[in-house]
Protein backbone atom coordinates (compact mmCIF):
# COMPACT_ATOMS: atom_id res chain seq x y z
CA MET A 1 -13.02 88.11 20.71
CA LYS A 2 -16.63 87.85 21.94
CA ARG A 3 -17.47 85.55 19.04
CA LEU A 4 -14.56 83.23 19.88
CA LEU A 5 -15.61 83.12 23.53
CA PHE A 6 -19.23 82.43 22.53
CA PHE A 7 -18.26 79.51 20.29
CA GLY A 8 -15.92 78.12 22.96
CA VAL A 9 -18.69 78.14 25.57
CA LEU A 10 -21.16 76.70 23.05
CA LEU A 11 -18.71 73.89 22.21
CA ILE A 12 -18.24 73.01 25.87
CA ILE A 13 -21.96 73.01 26.58
CA THR A 14 -22.86 70.84 23.60
CA SER A 15 -20.04 68.35 24.16
CA CYS A 16 -21.04 67.86 27.79
CA ALA A 17 -24.73 67.59 27.02
CA THR A 18 -24.44 64.87 24.41
CA GLU A 19 -22.54 62.31 26.49
CA LYS A 20 -24.50 59.90 28.65
CA GLN A 21 -22.44 58.34 31.40
CA ASN A 22 -22.55 54.63 32.04
CA PHE A 23 -21.99 53.91 35.73
CA SER A 24 -22.33 50.17 35.40
CA PRO A 25 -19.15 48.11 35.81
CA LEU A 26 -20.62 45.57 33.41
CA SER A 27 -19.49 46.55 29.94
CA THR A 28 -21.23 45.13 26.92
CA GLY A 29 -18.10 43.29 25.79
CA PHE A 30 -17.71 41.50 29.09
CA TYR A 31 -21.42 40.81 29.27
CA SER A 32 -21.46 38.95 25.95
CA GLU A 33 -18.34 36.93 26.79
CA THR A 34 -19.47 35.71 30.20
CA LYS A 35 -23.21 35.35 29.82
CA GLY A 36 -23.01 31.60 29.54
CA SER A 37 -24.80 29.20 27.26
CA ASP A 38 -28.55 28.86 27.07
CA SER A 39 -28.29 25.28 28.33
CA ASP A 40 -26.87 26.58 31.63
CA LYS A 41 -30.02 28.55 32.38
CA GLY A 42 -31.95 25.47 33.41
CA ALA A 43 -29.22 24.22 35.71
CA LYS A 44 -29.99 23.93 39.40
CA ASN A 45 -26.92 25.96 40.41
CA SER A 46 -27.84 29.00 38.36
CA ILE A 47 -28.58 32.39 39.84
CA ASP A 48 -31.97 33.67 38.77
CA ILE A 49 -31.48 37.45 38.80
CA ASN A 50 -31.24 40.01 36.03
CA ILE A 51 -28.29 42.07 37.20
CA LYS A 52 -28.70 44.66 34.44
CA SER A 53 -32.11 45.75 35.69
CA ASN A 54 -31.60 45.18 39.42
CA VAL A 55 -31.78 48.41 41.43
CA ASN A 56 -29.42 47.13 44.12
CA ALA A 57 -26.76 46.17 41.59
CA SER A 58 -27.09 49.59 39.96
CA GLU A 59 -26.59 51.32 43.27
CA ILE A 60 -23.54 49.17 44.02
CA SER A 61 -22.11 50.18 40.64
CA ASN A 62 -22.75 53.85 41.36
CA LEU A 63 -21.19 53.59 44.82
CA ILE A 64 -18.11 51.91 43.35
CA ALA A 65 -17.76 54.69 40.78
CA THR A 66 -18.18 57.53 43.29
CA PHE A 67 -16.26 56.11 46.25
CA PRO A 68 -14.16 58.91 47.81
CA LYS A 69 -10.42 58.80 48.40
CA PHE A 70 -8.94 59.40 51.82
CA LYS A 71 -5.56 60.57 53.12
CA ASN A 72 -4.78 57.14 54.56
CA THR A 73 -3.01 55.12 51.83
CA ALA A 74 -3.55 51.76 53.54
CA LEU A 75 -7.27 52.48 53.70
CA ASN A 76 -7.34 53.55 50.04
CA SER A 77 -5.62 50.35 48.92
CA GLU A 78 -8.07 48.25 50.91
CA ILE A 79 -10.97 50.20 49.41
CA ILE A 80 -9.61 49.34 45.96
CA THR A 81 -9.66 45.67 46.96
CA LEU A 82 -13.21 46.08 48.28
CA LYS A 83 -14.37 47.66 45.02
CA TYR A 84 -12.64 44.95 42.98
CA SER A 85 -14.37 42.18 44.94
CA LEU A 86 -17.74 43.91 44.48
CA GLN A 87 -17.19 44.13 40.72
CA ASN A 88 -16.29 40.44 40.66
CA TYR A 89 -19.43 39.73 42.67
CA LEU A 90 -21.61 41.50 40.10
CA TYR A 91 -19.80 39.82 37.20
CA ALA A 92 -20.25 36.39 38.77
CA ILE A 93 -23.97 36.95 39.32
CA ASP A 94 -24.36 38.14 35.74
CA ALA A 95 -22.52 35.08 34.45
CA ASN A 96 -24.55 32.69 36.66
CA ASN A 97 -21.32 31.60 38.32
CA LEU A 98 -22.35 30.47 41.80
CA SER A 99 -18.87 29.51 43.01
CA GLY A 100 -17.42 32.79 41.69
CA LYS A 101 -20.17 34.72 43.46
CA ASN A 102 -19.45 32.96 46.74
CA LYS A 103 -15.70 33.59 46.43
CA ALA A 104 -16.24 37.26 45.60
CA LEU A 105 -18.63 37.57 48.53
CA LYS A 106 -16.03 36.12 50.91
CA ASP A 107 -13.41 38.49 49.49
CA PHE A 108 -15.82 41.40 50.00
CA GLU A 109 -16.43 40.38 53.62
CA LYS A 110 -12.68 40.12 54.35
CA SER A 111 -12.00 43.48 52.78
CA TYR A 112 -14.99 45.04 54.55
CA LYS A 113 -13.62 43.93 57.92
CA LYS A 114 -10.16 45.33 57.11
CA VAL A 115 -11.70 48.67 56.10
CA GLN A 116 -13.63 48.71 59.39
CA LYS A 117 -10.36 48.28 61.31
CA LEU A 118 -8.52 50.92 59.27
CA ARG A 119 -11.23 53.55 59.62
CA THR A 120 -10.37 54.16 63.28
CA ASN A 121 -7.58 56.49 62.10
CA LEU A 122 -9.94 58.80 60.22
CA ASN A 123 -11.31 62.12 61.42
CA LYS A 124 -15.01 62.31 62.30
CA ASP A 125 -16.22 63.71 58.94
CA ASP A 126 -14.31 61.20 56.82
CA ASP A 127 -15.43 58.38 59.11
CA GLU A 128 -19.08 59.37 58.64
CA ILE A 129 -18.70 59.52 54.85
CA LEU A 130 -16.99 56.12 54.76
CA ASN A 131 -19.62 54.65 57.07
CA ARG A 132 -22.41 55.90 54.80
CA TYR A 133 -20.83 54.20 51.78
CA LEU A 134 -20.14 50.96 53.64
CA VAL A 135 -23.67 50.72 55.03
CA ARG A 136 -25.22 51.29 51.60
CA LEU A 137 -22.91 48.71 50.00
CA LYS A 138 -23.65 46.09 52.64
CA THR A 139 -27.39 46.79 52.49
CA ASN A 140 -27.48 46.34 48.71
CA VAL A 141 -25.36 43.17 48.79
CA SER A 142 -27.65 41.77 51.50
CA ALA A 143 -30.72 42.61 49.42
CA ILE A 144 -29.27 40.79 46.39
CA GLU A 145 -28.33 37.79 48.54
CA ASP A 146 -31.83 37.68 50.06
CA TYR A 147 -33.36 37.82 46.59
CA ILE A 148 -31.13 35.00 45.35
CA LYS A 149 -31.85 32.81 48.39
CA GLY A 150 -35.57 33.51 48.10
CA ASN A 151 -35.61 32.33 44.49
CA TYR A 152 -33.36 29.33 45.03
């Protein structure tokens, strides 16, 4: 019995230790499909940022992956919309799609405002947690936008 328990624990430890999690919403399949042609890189409307190595984009991806759920279903559905628009924002930047980036940014702003209105129904602790996530998301999006405008 002890041997079976030992091998069970050993199996769990080794299976958990060998997996490396990927928190990026940009999968390799999507990346290769939307990267764009090499002739687009010299275009004036391109976005000159490497989203794969950008710290702000990585933090946005991690925040999307770890966003908490709340008891308010309307708030949760709006958070899903917010996360979807942020993923589209990162995809558009990676694909050098300026119009897609602008549309995703507008969708993010609309959803952000709706979440701000819906958070009045939360208790103090949940409100603080949500505020922390929203501030970090907005700060990272602003940093990416400033970088893009600075290199434009």
